[in-house]
Amino acid sequence: MAPEQGTIIFRALSALLTYPSAELCAAVPDIEAAITSQRHLPDTVVSELQPLLRELATLDLFELQERYVELFDRTRRLSLHLFEHVHGESRDRGQAMVDLASLYEKGGLELTANELPDYLPLFLEYLSTRPLEEARALLSETASILGELEARLRARNSIYAPVLAAIRAVAGTSLPLSTDEERPAGAPDDLAALDAEWEETAVTFGPDSGGMDGCSSDRLQTRLRAARRDARANAL
C-alpha cells in the first residue's frame, strides 16, 4: 500500500533510526527532501535534523555504525524496541509481539526482516502505510516512551534526539520531556551502571483485557498506553 502524502514522513524518520548502511547514506538527499517538504514538522525540528543528515552523508560508514551501536545497543534505556520500555523481560512481551505482528499482517505489511515487531523503525514503516489519522492515533499511544527516549538522547547530546522530536511532532504530542536524566557536569557516562539502575516493571492489564481481539489495534493501544504509567514510574 502506497503511503499518502502525510505519512511519507514516517518512512523518512524510520530510515534515520535504522542501522547505518551504504544504502541509507546514499538515500540522504531523498530523505531530506521528504522531511523538508512536510507541513507536519516545525522549522525548528527540521533544522535540528540537519546535523544527522550531514553526518550520514559525509562520515565514514564504519564510524557511523560504531556510533549507532554504542548509542542504541549498549543499554536498554535507549532501546529502540518499544515493548522493552513497557514489559522488559516479562512474559507479557511475547504476547504483545504476537499482537503487533498480527496487526502488521492485517494491514498488509509482511515481516521479512529478522527484526522484532516492536522495533521503532519497523513500527514507523507500518504507520507510513496507514491513513494519517490512524497512524497518529497509534503513534500517540507511544508518547511517553518517545518522550523518555528523546530526553535520554538529549542528555547525551545525541544528534538522534531530533528524530524523536520529529516523530512526536507528527503525532501531535506535546508532553514535556523528563529532566530526571540530567546529571552534574563531568559526571561519568557509565552506561552499564545506568542500565543496572533501571528496573523494568511488568504491565498488569485489567480484568477485561482478555476479551480483546488479540490482533486488534485496540489491544495494541492498551499495551502501549500502559507505558505512560511505567515510563514515568521507572527510575531514570
C-alpha atoms as a PDB file:
ATOM      1  CA  MET A   1       0.000   0.000   0.000  1.00  0.00           C
ATOM      2  CA  ALA A   2       1.467   3.335  -1.034  1.00  0.00           C
ATOM      3  CA  PRO A   3       1.704   5.937   1.734  1.00  0.00           C
ATOM      4  CA  GLU A   4      -0.348   9.105   1.475  1.00  0.00           C
ATOM      5  CA  GLN A   5       1.452  12.434   1.431  1.00  0.00           C
ATOM      6  CA  GLY A   6       1.073  12.998   5.157  1.00  0.00           C
ATOM      7  CA  THR A   7       2.593   9.663   6.171  1.00  0.00           C
ATOM      8  CA  ILE A   8       5.642   9.701   3.888  1.00  0.00           C
ATOM      9  CA  ILE A   9       7.428  11.437   6.750  1.00  0.00           C
ATOM     10  CA  PHE A  10       7.139   8.254   8.841  1.00  0.00           C
ATOM     11  CA  ARG A  11       9.157   6.361   6.246  1.00  0.00           C
ATOM     12  CA  ALA A  12      11.846   9.046   6.228  1.00  0.00           C
ATOM     13  CA  LEU A  13      12.126   9.111  10.020  1.00  0.00           C
ATOM     14  CA  SER A  14      12.141   5.315  10.104  1.00  0.00           C
ATOM     15  CA  ALA A  15      15.155   5.310   7.806  1.00  0.00           C
ATOM     16  CA  LEU A  16      17.044   7.753  10.030  1.00  0.00           C
ATOM     17  CA  LEU A  17      16.699   5.416  13.026  1.00  0.00           C
ATOM     18  CA  THR A  18      17.942   2.307  11.245  1.00  0.00           C
ATOM     19  CA  TYR A  19      21.450   0.885  11.438  1.00  0.00           C
ATOM     20  CA  PRO A  20      23.589   2.930   9.016  1.00  0.00           C
ATOM     21  CA  SER A  21      24.256   1.276   5.677  1.00  0.00           C
ATOM     22  CA  ALA A  22      25.622   2.349   2.312  1.00  0.00           C
ATOM     23  CA  GLU A  23      22.047   2.388   1.002  1.00  0.00           C
ATOM     24  CA  LEU A  24      20.910   4.673   3.810  1.00  0.00           C
ATOM     25  CA  CYS A  25      23.768   7.100   3.243  1.00  0.00           C
ATOM     26  CA  ALA A  26      23.037   7.212  -0.488  1.00  0.00           C
ATOM     27  CA  ALA A  27      19.382   7.934   0.229  1.00  0.00           C
ATOM     28  CA  VAL A  28      20.062  11.011   2.389  1.00  0.00           C
ATOM     29  CA  PRO A  29      19.073  13.514  -0.350  1.00  0.00           C
ATOM     30  CA  ASP A  30      15.706  11.771  -0.774  1.00  0.00           C
ATOM     31  CA  ILE A  31      15.178  11.578   2.988  1.00  0.00           C
ATOM     32  CA  GLU A  32      15.996  15.256   3.384  1.00  0.00           C
ATOM     33  CA  ALA A  33      13.588  16.161   0.572  1.00  0.00           C
ATOM     34  CA  ALA A  34      10.812  14.178   2.245  1.00  0.00           C
ATOM     35  CA  ILE A  35      11.479  15.911   5.570  1.00  0.00           C
ATOM     36  CA  THR A  36      11.672  19.467   4.239  1.00  0.00           C
ATOM     37  CA  SER A  37       8.538  19.065   2.131  1.00  0.00           C
ATOM     38  CA  GLN A  38       6.331  18.115   5.087  1.00  0.00           C
ATOM     39  CA  ARG A  39       3.997  20.652   6.644  1.00  0.00           C
ATOM     40  CA  HIS A  40       3.723  18.499   9.771  1.00  0.00           C
ATOM     41  CA  LEU A  41       7.193  19.388  11.087  1.00  0.00           C
ATOM     42  CA  PRO A  42       8.074  22.734  12.707  1.00  0.00           C
ATOM     43  CA  ASP A  43      11.000  24.550  11.099  1.00  0.00           C
ATOM     44  CA  THR A  44      12.968  24.225  14.340  1.00  0.00           C
ATOM     45  CA  VAL A  45      12.733  20.441  14.215  1.00  0.00           C
ATOM     46  CA  VAL A  46      13.714  20.354  10.540  1.00  0.00           C
ATOM     47  CA  SER A  47      16.773  22.467  11.375  1.00  0.00           C
ATOM     48  CA  GLU A  48      17.696  20.173  14.263  1.00  0.00           C
ATOM     49  CA  LEU A  49      17.706  17.183  11.918  1.00  0.00           C
ATOM     50  CA  GLN A  50      20.358  18.696   9.656  1.00  0.00           C
ATOM     51  CA  PRO A  51      23.436  17.568  11.676  1.00  0.00           C
ATOM     52  CA  LEU A  52      22.338  13.927  11.499  1.00  0.00           C
ATOM     53  CA  LEU A  53      21.656  14.209   7.772  1.00  0.00           C
ATOM     54  CA  ARG A  54      25.093  15.775   7.227  1.00  0.00           C
ATOM     55  CA  GLU A  55      26.862  13.069   9.208  1.00  0.00           C
ATOM     56  CA  LEU A  56      25.072  10.294   7.338  1.00  0.00           C
ATOM     57  CA  ALA A  57      26.076  11.921   4.066  1.00  0.00           C
ATOM     58  CA  THR A  58      29.721  12.624   4.903  1.00  0.00           C
ATOM     59  CA  LEU A  59      31.156  10.424   7.659  1.00  0.00           C
ATOM     60  CA  ASP A  60      32.860   7.092   7.178  1.00  0.00           C
ATOM     61  CA  LEU A  61      30.321   4.268   7.226  1.00  0.00           C
ATOM     62  CA  PHE A  62      32.232   2.266   9.830  1.00  0.00           C
ATOM     63  CA  GLU A  63      32.282   5.272  12.161  1.00  0.00           C
ATOM     64  CA  LEU A  64      28.549   5.787  11.702  1.00  0.00           C
ATOM     65  CA  GLN A  65      27.853   2.151  12.512  1.00  0.00           C
ATOM     66  CA  GLU A  66      30.140   2.191  15.538  1.00  0.00           C
ATOM     67  CA  ARG A  67      28.406   5.273  16.934  1.00  0.00           C
ATOM     68  CA  TYR A  68      24.979   3.737  16.350  1.00  0.00           C
ATOM     69  CA  VAL A  69      25.868   0.528  18.187  1.00  0.00           C
ATOM     70  CA  GLU A  70      27.465   2.446  21.042  1.00  0.00           C
ATOM     71  CA  LEU A  71      24.340   4.537  21.450  1.00  0.00           C
ATOM     72  CA  PHE A  72      21.439   2.155  20.950  1.00  0.00           C
ATOM     73  CA  ASP A  73      22.824  -1.309  21.645  1.00  0.00           C
ATOM     74  CA  ARG A  74      24.790  -0.750  24.859  1.00  0.00           C
ATOM     75  CA  THR A  75      21.876  -0.057  27.165  1.00  0.00           C
ATOM     76  CA  ARG A  76      18.214  -0.978  27.438  1.00  0.00           C
ATOM     77  CA  ARG A  77      17.470   2.620  28.434  1.00  0.00           C
ATOM     78  CA  LEU A  78      17.961   3.703  24.822  1.00  0.00           C
ATOM     79  CA  SER A  79      16.497   0.608  23.197  1.00  0.00           C
ATOM     80  CA  LEU A  80      14.523   1.260  20.017  1.00  0.00           C
ATOM     81  CA  HIS A  81      12.260  -1.684  20.864  1.00  0.00           C
ATOM     82  CA  LEU A  82       9.037  -0.191  22.217  1.00  0.00           C
ATOM     83  CA  PHE A  83       7.943  -3.077  24.417  1.00  0.00           C
ATOM     84  CA  GLU A  84      11.321  -3.126  26.139  1.00  0.00           C
ATOM     85  CA  HIS A  85      10.123   0.028  27.888  1.00  0.00           C
ATOM     86  CA  VAL A  86       6.713  -1.450  28.725  1.00  0.00           C
ATOM     87  CA  HIS A  87       7.257  -5.116  29.541  1.00  0.00           C
ATOM     88  CA  GLY A  88      11.015  -5.550  29.922  1.00  0.00           C
ATOM     89  CA  GLU A  89      11.681  -9.281  30.090  1.00  0.00           C
ATOM     90  CA  SER A  90       8.219 -10.209  31.362  1.00  0.00           C
ATOM     91  CA  ARG A  91       6.215 -12.907  29.615  1.00  0.00           C
ATOM     92  CA  ASP A  92       3.631 -10.329  28.537  1.00  0.00           C
ATOM     93  CA  ARG A  93       6.126  -9.055  25.995  1.00  0.00           C
ATOM     94  CA  GLY A  94       5.862 -12.224  23.916  1.00  0.00           C
ATOM     95  CA  GLN A  95       2.100 -11.923  23.512  1.00  0.00           C
ATOM     96  CA  ALA A  96       2.440  -8.222  22.771  1.00  0.00           C
ATOM     97  CA  MET A  97       4.851  -9.121  19.959  1.00  0.00           C
ATOM     98  CA  VAL A  98       2.353 -11.578  18.519  1.00  0.00           C
ATOM     99  CA  ASP A  99      -0.405  -8.968  18.678  1.00  0.00           C
ATOM    100  CA  LEU A 100       1.705  -6.370  16.918  1.00  0.00           C
ATOM    101  CA  ALA A 101       2.844  -8.798  14.219  1.00  0.00           C
ATOM    102  CA  SER A 102      -0.796  -9.716  13.625  1.00  0.00           C
ATOM    103  CA  LEU A 103      -1.695  -6.043  13.300  1.00  0.00           C
ATOM    104  CA  TYR A 104       1.014  -5.648  10.670  1.00  0.00           C
ATOM    105  CA  GLU A 105      -0.293  -8.631   8.740  1.00  0.00           C
ATOM    106  CA  LYS A 106      -3.853  -7.327   8.815  1.00  0.00           C
ATOM    107  CA  GLY A 107      -2.554  -4.020   7.480  1.00  0.00           C
ATOM    108  CA  GLY A 108      -0.718  -5.733   4.628  1.00  0.00           C
ATOM    109  CA  LEU A 109       2.830  -5.357   5.963  1.00  0.00           C
ATOM    110  CA  GLU A 110       4.828  -8.565   5.608  1.00  0.00           C
ATOM    111  CA  LEU A 111       7.621  -9.108   8.094  1.00  0.00           C
ATOM    112  CA  THR A 112      10.560 -10.330   6.067  1.00  0.00           C
ATOM    113  CA  ALA A 113      13.466  -8.961   8.093  1.00  0.00           C
ATOM    114  CA  ASN A 114      14.862 -10.667  11.170  1.00  0.00           C
ATOM    115  CA  GLU A 115      13.646  -7.831  13.390  1.00  0.00           C
ATOM    116  CA  LEU A 116      11.260  -7.835  16.319  1.00  0.00           C
ATOM    117  CA  PRO A 117       7.840  -6.290  15.572  1.00  0.00           C
ATOM    118  CA  ASP A 118       8.241  -3.603  18.241  1.00  0.00           C
ATOM    119  CA  TYR A 119      11.403  -2.166  16.645  1.00  0.00           C
ATOM    120  CA  LEU A 120      10.582   1.540  16.309  1.00  0.00           C
ATOM    121  CA  PRO A 121      11.771   1.930  12.677  1.00  0.00           C
ATOM    122  CA  LEU A 122       9.586  -1.046  11.703  1.00  0.00           C
ATOM    123  CA  PHE A 123       6.618   0.419  13.579  1.00  0.00           C
ATOM    124  CA  LEU A 124       7.126   3.708  11.698  1.00  0.00           C
ATOM    125  CA  GLU A 125       7.312   1.814   8.415  1.00  0.00           C
ATOM    126  CA  TYR A 126       3.924   0.298   9.195  1.00  0.00           C
ATOM    127  CA  LEU A 127       2.497   3.711  10.079  1.00  0.00           C
ATOM    128  CA  SER A 128       3.652   5.032   6.703  1.00  0.00           C
ATOM    129  CA  THR A 129       1.169   2.662   5.047  1.00  0.00           C
ATOM    130  CA  ARG A 130      -1.804   3.803   7.123  1.00  0.00           C
ATOM    131  CA  PRO A 131      -4.120   6.819   6.797  1.00  0.00           C
ATOM    132  CA  LEU A 132      -2.626   9.778   8.650  1.00  0.00           C
ATOM    133  CA  GLU A 133      -5.221   9.974  11.397  1.00  0.00           C
ATOM    134  CA  GLU A 134      -4.958   6.252  12.119  1.00  0.00           C
ATOM    135  CA  ALA A 135      -1.172   6.497  12.170  1.00  0.00           C
ATOM    136  CA  ARG A 136      -1.297   9.445  14.546  1.00  0.00           C
ATOM    137  CA  ALA A 137      -3.712   7.650  16.872  1.00  0.00           C
ATOM    138  CA  LEU A 138      -1.409   4.638  17.164  1.00  0.00           C
ATOM    139  CA  LEU A 139       1.708   6.766  17.456  1.00  0.00           C
ATOM    140  CA  SER A 140       0.231   8.976  20.158  1.00  0.00           C
ATOM    141  CA  GLU A 141      -0.026   5.914  22.408  1.00  0.00           C
ATOM    142  CA  THR A 142       3.777   5.749  22.431  1.00  0.00           C
ATOM    143  CA  ALA A 143       4.134   9.393  23.511  1.00  0.00           C
ATOM    144  CA  SER A 144       5.637   8.626  26.926  1.00  0.00           C
ATOM    145  CA  ILE A 145       8.138   6.149  25.514  1.00  0.00           C
ATOM    146  CA  LEU A 146       9.205   8.554  22.778  1.00  0.00           C
ATOM    147  CA  GLY A 147       9.413  11.444  25.221  1.00  0.00           C
ATOM    148  CA  GLU A 148      11.666   9.496  27.568  1.00  0.00           C
ATOM    149  CA  LEU A 149      13.888   8.353  24.708  1.00  0.00           C
ATOM    150  CA  GLU A 150      14.215  11.895  23.423  1.00  0.00           C
ATOM    151  CA  ALA A 151      15.097  13.184  26.899  1.00  0.00           C
ATOM    152  CA  ARG A 152      17.740  10.491  27.354  1.00  0.00           C
ATOM    153  CA  LEU A 153      19.239  11.189  23.936  1.00  0.00           C
ATOM    154  CA  ARG A 154      19.309  14.932  24.581  1.00  0.00           C
ATOM    155  CA  ALA A 155      21.047  14.318  27.913  1.00  0.00           C
ATOM    156  CA  ARG A 156      23.818  12.696  25.866  1.00  0.00           C
ATOM    157  CA  ASN A 157      23.797  15.487  23.271  1.00  0.00           C
ATOM    158  CA  SER A 158      22.945  12.909  20.639  1.00  0.00           C
ATOM    159  CA  ILE A 159      22.161  14.037  17.097  1.00  0.00           C
ATOM    160  CA  TYR A 160      19.461  11.336  17.055  1.00  0.00           C
ATOM    161  CA  ALA A 161      17.328  13.206  19.620  1.00  0.00           C
ATOM    162  CA  PRO A 162      15.684  15.426  16.954  1.00  0.00           C
ATOM    163  CA  VAL A 163      14.370  12.305  15.190  1.00  0.00           C
ATOM    164  CA  LEU A 164      12.330  11.505  18.286  1.00  0.00           C
ATOM    165  CA  ALA A 165      11.219  15.138  18.451  1.00  0.00           C
ATOM    166  CA  ALA A 166      10.102  14.900  14.817  1.00  0.00           C
ATOM    167  CA  ILE A 167       8.103  11.729  15.466  1.00  0.00           C
ATOM    168  CA  ARG A 168       6.380  13.358  18.428  1.00  0.00           C
ATOM    169  CA  ALA A 169       5.642  16.463  16.374  1.00  0.00           C
ATOM    170  CA  VAL A 170       3.998  14.462  13.599  1.00  0.00           C
ATOM    171  CA  ALA A 171       1.968  12.585  16.208  1.00  0.00           C
ATOM    172  CA  GLY A 172       0.789  15.903  17.585  1.00  0.00           C
ATOM    173  CA  THR A 173       2.057  15.156  21.107  1.00  0.00           C
ATOM    174  CA  SER A 174       3.299  17.959  23.297  1.00  0.00           C
ATOM    175  CA  LEU A 175       4.172  16.162  26.517  1.00  0.00           C
ATOM    176  CA  PRO A 176       7.069  17.844  28.350  1.00  0.00           C
ATOM    177  CA  LEU A 177      10.343  15.993  28.324  1.00  0.00           C
ATOM    178  CA  SER A 178      11.632  14.448  31.525  1.00  0.00           C
ATOM    179  CA  THR A 179      14.511  16.292  33.157  1.00  0.00           C
ATOM    180  CA  ASP A 180      15.362  13.496  35.596  1.00  0.00           C
ATOM    181  CA  GLU A 181      18.128  12.294  33.307  1.00  0.00           C
ATOM    182  CA  GLU A 182      20.213  15.437  33.895  1.00  0.00           C
ATOM    183  CA  ARG A 183      23.404  14.803  35.811  1.00  0.00           C
ATOM    184  CA  PRO A 184      26.095  17.149  37.134  1.00  0.00           C
ATOM    185  CA  ALA A 185      28.620  18.364  34.587  1.00  0.00           C
ATOM    186  CA  GLY A 186      31.560  16.000  34.409  1.00  0.00           C
ATOM    187  CA  ALA A 187      29.669  13.019  35.805  1.00  0.00           C
ATOM    188  CA  PRO A 188      30.859   9.772  34.192  1.00  0.00           C
ATOM    189  CA  ASP A 189      28.584   8.373  31.487  1.00  0.00           C
ATOM    190  CA  ASP A 190      28.764   4.800  32.750  1.00  0.00           C
ATOM    191  CA  LEU A 191      26.241   3.040  30.532  1.00  0.00           C
ATOM    192  CA  ALA A 192      26.475  -0.252  32.399  1.00  0.00           C
ATOM    193  CA  ALA A 193      25.848   1.434  35.762  1.00  0.00           C
ATOM    194  CA  LEU A 194      22.964   3.475  34.392  1.00  0.00           C
ATOM    195  CA  ASP A 195      21.420   0.391  32.856  1.00  0.00           C
ATOM    196  CA  ALA A 196      21.713  -1.526  36.108  1.00  0.00           C
ATOM    197  CA  GLU A 197      19.782   1.197  37.915  1.00  0.00           C
ATOM    198  CA  TRP A 198      16.855   0.930  35.525  1.00  0.00           C
ATOM    199  CA  GLU A 199      14.492  -1.888  36.502  1.00  0.00           C
ATOM    200  CA  GLU A 200      11.516  -2.799  34.345  1.00  0.00           C
ATOM    201  CA  THR A 201       8.075  -3.307  35.862  1.00  0.00           C
ATOM    202  CA  ALA A 202       5.776  -5.806  34.200  1.00  0.00           C
ATOM    203  CA  VAL A 203       2.493  -4.357  32.979  1.00  0.00           C
ATOM    204  CA  THR A 204      -0.694  -5.757  34.509  1.00  0.00           C
ATOM    205  CA  PHE A 205      -3.859  -5.394  32.478  1.00  0.00           C
ATOM    206  CA  GLY A 206      -7.385  -5.093  33.784  1.00  0.00           C
ATOM    207  CA  PRO A 207      -9.850  -7.975  34.032  1.00  0.00           C
ATOM    208  CA  ASP A 208     -11.417  -7.098  30.671  1.00  0.00           C
ATOM    209  CA  SER A 209      -8.167  -7.268  28.728  1.00  0.00           C
ATOM    210  CA  GLY A 210      -8.581 -10.937  27.912  1.00  0.00           C
ATOM    211  CA  GLY A 211     -11.698 -10.216  25.908  1.00  0.00           C
ATOM    212  CA  MET A 212      -9.980  -8.030  23.366  1.00  0.00           C
ATOM    213  CA  ASP A 213      -9.195  -9.251  19.904  1.00  0.00           C
ATOM    214  CA  GLY A 214      -5.579 -10.416  20.027  1.00  0.00           C
ATOM    215  CA  CYS A 215      -4.625  -8.684  16.789  1.00  0.00           C
ATOM    216  CA  SER A 216      -6.730  -5.537  17.066  1.00  0.00           C
ATOM    217  CA  SER A 217      -5.385  -2.004  17.266  1.00  0.00           C
ATOM    218  CA  ASP A 218      -7.403  -1.583  20.491  1.00  0.00           C
ATOM    219  CA  ARG A 219      -5.320  -4.196  22.235  1.00  0.00           C
ATOM    220  CA  LEU A 220      -2.111  -2.688  20.882  1.00  0.00           C
ATOM    221  CA  GLN A 221      -3.187   0.725  22.147  1.00  0.00           C
ATOM    222  CA  THR A 222      -3.929  -0.739  25.566  1.00  0.00           C
ATOM    223  CA  ARG A 223      -0.449  -2.212  25.806  1.00  0.00           C
ATOM    224  CA  LEU A 224       1.210   0.976  24.612  1.00  0.00           C
ATOM    225  CA  ARG A 225      -0.938   3.143  26.863  1.00  0.00           C
ATOM    226  CA  ALA A 226       0.432   1.257  29.835  1.00  0.00           C
ATOM    227  CA  ALA A 227       3.811   2.776  29.015  1.00  0.00           C
ATOM    228  CA  ARG A 228       2.531   6.189  30.090  1.00  0.00           C
ATOM    229  CA  ARG A 229       2.478   4.860  33.625  1.00  0.00           C
ATOM    230  CA  ASP A 230       5.577   2.675  33.544  1.00  0.00           C
ATOM    231  CA  ALA A 231       7.855   5.076  31.669  1.00  0.00           C
ATOM    232  CA  ARG A 232       7.250   7.722  34.311  1.00  0.00           C
ATOM    233  CA  ALA A 233       7.371   5.341  37.289  1.00  0.00           C
ATOM    234  CA  ASN A 234      10.648   3.650  36.334  1.00  0.00           C
ATOM    235  CA  ALA A 235      13.752   5.221  37.861  1.00  0.00           C
ATOM    236  CA  LEU A 236      15.819   7.106  35.300  1.00  0.00           C
END
